[in-house]
C-alpha cells in the first residue's frame, strides 16, 4: 500500500513537472 502511494505520488509529480516544462519551453515541442 505504501509503495503504491509513493509510486502514485512520484508519477503525479513527474507529470506535473513535465507539463510545466512543456509550457515554459514550447519551442521544444
PDB file of N, CA and C in Angstrom:
ATOM      1  N   UNK A   1       0.836  -1.201   0.000  1.00  0.00           N
ATOM      2  CA  UNK A   1       0.000   0.000   0.000  1.00  0.00           C
ATOM      3  C   UNK A   1       0.871   1.250   0.000  1.00  0.00           C
ATOM      4  N   UNK A   2       1.884   1.226   0.862  1.00  0.00           N
ATOM      5  CA  UNK A   2       2.767   2.391   0.941  1.00  0.00           C
ATOM      6  C   UNK A   2       3.525   2.567  -0.366  1.00  0.00           C
ATOM      7  N   UNK A   3       3.965   1.441  -0.951  1.00  0.00           N
ATOM      8  CA  UNK A   3       4.709   1.513  -2.204  1.00  0.00           C
ATOM      9  C   UNK A   3       3.849   2.103  -3.313  1.00  0.00           C
ATOM     10  N   UNK A   4       2.582   1.690  -3.367  1.00  0.00           N
ATOM     11  CA  UNK A   4       1.676   2.214  -4.395  1.00  0.00           C
ATOM     12  C   UNK A   4       1.432   3.705  -4.194  1.00  0.00           C
ATOM     13  N   UNK A   5       1.339   4.117  -2.927  1.00  0.00           N
ATOM     14  CA  UNK A   5       1.123   5.532  -2.635  1.00  0.00           C
ATOM     15  C   UNK A   5       2.323   6.361  -3.083  1.00  0.00           C
ATOM     16  N   UNK A   6       3.524   5.882  -2.786  1.00  0.00           N
ATOM     17  CA  UNK A   6       4.738   6.589  -3.192  1.00  0.00           C
ATOM     18  C   UNK A   6       4.855   6.607  -4.715  1.00  0.00           C
ATOM     19  N   UNK A   7       4.558   5.483  -5.349  1.00  0.00           N
ATOM     20  CA  UNK A   7       4.647   5.407  -6.803  1.00  0.00           C
ATOM     21  C   UNK A   7       3.653   6.366  -7.449  1.00  0.00           C
ATOM     22  N   UNK A   8       2.435   6.394  -6.948  1.00  0.00           N
ATOM     23  CA  UNK A   8       1.419   7.299  -7.486  1.00  0.00           C
ATOM     24  C   UNK A   8       1.826   8.757  -7.310  1.00  0.00           C
ATOM     25  N   UNK A   9       2.379   9.079  -6.158  1.00  0.00           N
ATOM     26  CA  UNK A   9       2.825  10.449  -5.918  1.00  0.00           C
ATOM     27  C   UNK A   9       3.964  10.835  -6.841  1.00  0.00           C
ATOM     28  N   UNK A  10       4.895   9.922  -7.058  1.00  0.00           N
ATOM     29  CA  UNK A  10       6.030  10.197  -7.936  1.00  0.00           C
ATOM     30  C   UNK A  10       5.554  10.421  -9.368  1.00  0.00           C
ATOM     31  N   UNK A  11       4.611   9.603  -9.820  1.00  0.00           N
ATOM     32  CA  UNK A  11       4.082   9.752 -11.181  1.00  0.00           C
ATOM     33  C   UNK A  11       3.355  11.087 -11.319  1.00  0.00           C
ATOM     34  N   UNK A  12       2.578  11.451 -10.311  1.00  0.00           N
ATOM     35  CA  UNK A  12       1.855  12.725 -10.356  1.00  0.00           C
ATOM     36  C   UNK A  12       2.823  13.900 -10.420  1.00  0.00           C
ATOM     37  N   UNK A  13       3.871  13.852  -9.606  1.00  0.00           N
ATOM     38  CA  UNK A  13       4.865  14.923  -9.607  1.00  0.00           C
ATOM     39  C   UNK A  13       5.581  14.980 -10.951  1.00  0.00           C
ATOM     40  N   UNK A  14       5.914  13.816 -11.517  1.00  0.00           N
ATOM     41  CA  UNK A  14       6.609  13.767 -12.804  1.00  0.00           C
ATOM     42  C   UNK A  14       5.749  14.363 -13.908  1.00  0.00           C
ATOM     43  N   UNK A  15       4.465  13.988 -13.947  1.00  0.00           N
ATOM     44  CA  UNK A  15       3.565  14.503 -14.979  1.00  0.00           C
ATOM     45  C   UNK A  15       3.393  16.015 -14.826  1.00  0.00           C
ATOM     46  N   UNK A  16       3.228  16.478 -13.590  1.00  0.00           N
ATOM     47  CA  UNK A  16       3.067  17.912 -13.355  1.00  0.00           C
ATOM     48  C   UNK A  16       4.315  18.672 -13.789  1.00  0.00           C
ATOM     49  N   UNK A  17       5.491  18.163 -13.425  1.00  0.00           N
ATOM     50  CA  UNK A  17       6.741  18.811 -13.802  1.00  0.00           C
ATOM     51  C   UNK A  17       6.904  18.820 -15.319  1.00  0.00           C
ATOM     52  N   UNK A  18       6.511  17.738 -15.981  1.00  0.00           N
ATOM     53  CA  UNK A  18       6.619  17.656 -17.438  1.00  0.00           C
ATOM     54  C   UNK A  18       5.708  18.675 -18.109  1.00  0.00           C
ATOM     55  N   UNK A  19       4.490  18.820 -17.597  1.00  0.00           N
ATOM     56  CA  UNK A  19       3.553  19.795 -18.169  1.00  0.00           C
ATOM     57  C   UNK A  19       4.067  21.217 -17.972  1.00  0.00           C
ATOM     58  N   UNK A  20       4.599  21.513 -16.793  1.00  0.00           N
ATOM     59  CA  UNK A  20       5.149  22.846 -16.535  1.00  0.00           C
ATOM     60  C   UNK A  20       6.329  23.110 -17.463  1.00  0.00           C
ATOM     61  N   UNK A  21       7.201  22.117 -17.652  1.00  0.00           N
ATOM     62  CA  UNK A  21       8.349  22.262 -18.541  1.00  0.00           C
ATOM     63  C   UNK A  21       7.895  22.503 -19.975  1.00  0.00           C
ATOM     64  N   UNK A  22       6.844  21.775 -20.399  1.00  0.00           N
ATOM     65  CA  UNK A  22       6.321  21.943 -21.756  1.00  0.00           C
ATOM     66  C   UNK A  22       5.751  23.349 -21.939  1.00  0.00           C
ATOM     67  N   UNK A  23       5.114  23.882 -20.911  1.00  0.00           N
ATOM     68  CA  UNK A  23       4.549  25.231 -21.006  1.00  0.00           C
ATOM     69  C   UNK A  23       5.652  26.289 -21.023  1.00  0.00           C
ATOM     70  N   UNK A  24       6.737  26.042 -20.300  1.00  0.00           N
ATOM     71  CA  UNK A  24       7.826  27.018 -20.240  1.00  0.00           C
ATOM     72  C   UNK A  24       8.733  26.934 -21.462  1.00  0.00           C
ATOM     73  N   UNK A  25       8.759  25.781 -22.133  1.00  0.00           N
ATOM     74  CA  UNK A  25       9.623  25.594 -23.299  1.00  0.00           C
ATOM     75  C   UNK A  25       8.821  25.041 -24.474  1.00  0.00           C
ATOM     76  N   UNK A  26       7.878  25.832 -25.004  1.00  0.00           N
ATOM     77  CA  UNK A  26       7.015  25.336 -26.094  1.00  0.00           C
ATOM     78  C   UNK A  26       7.778  25.119 -27.394  1.00  0.00           C
ATOM     79  N   UNK A  27       8.933  25.765 -27.556  1.00  0.00           N
ATOM     80  CA  UNK A  27       9.673  25.616 -28.814  1.00  0.00           C
ATOM     81  C   UNK A  27      10.250  24.212 -28.977  1.00  0.00           C
ATOM     82  N   UNK A  28      10.361  23.466 -27.884  1.00  0.00           N
ATOM     83  CA  UNK A  28      10.910  22.112 -27.971  1.00  0.00           C
ATOM     84  C   UNK A  28       9.857  21.107 -28.420  1.00  0.00           C
ATOM     85  N   UNK A  29       8.579  21.511 -28.440  1.00  0.00           N
ATOM     86  CA  UNK A  29       7.524  20.575 -28.816  1.00  0.00           C
ATOM     87  C   UNK A  29       6.937  20.988 -30.147  1.00  0.00           C
TER      88      UNK A  29
END
